Amino acid sequence: MKNLFDPASVREVRERALRLRPDSKRQWGKMNASQAAAHCSASLEMALGDLRPPRVLAGRIMGPIVKRFALGNDEPMHRNSPTARDLVMSGEHDLDTERTRLVGLIDRFAVAGPGGCSSHPHPFFGKLTPPQWAELMYKHLDHHLRQFGV
């Protein structure tokens, strides 16, 4: 399974993120490319422990079940998967700024390794191990990069 502790996977998502353009057409969802880059950055900040959103009720109930299906395999995330309220992006964002921020956070996560992962529970899935964080962050980045055809 691809994950952000694997240097080849890190290179792949970095290169794909750098190909995001203001005119990249979304295949699904509501965000534009700059909002998606900001959203992905916020997700990495959550994985690193910089953001600590609260658990959501649906996650407390269904999170452990869904986590078994979402992680531990090479299946991509489904289109229009739900988003934690704290990670929803709106308004205008500068794509160059957000893309630079995103690539920096990808590098920071990879360099920090397992010791850099948050011990705070994911808002939906609950407690994640460092390998689970690394897999989830790869899958999440891949999901949004596919959303914009990169």
Foldseek 3Di string as FASTA:
>chain_A
DAFLLDVVLLVVLLVLLVPQDQPQAFPDDDDGSLLLLQLLLVLLCVFQVVDFDAADPQLVVCQQVVLVVCPDDDDADDGPDDDDPVSGDDDDDDSVVSSVSSNVSSVVLNVCAQVRTDQRADNRNGGDHRRSSGRVSSRSSVNVSVRRPD
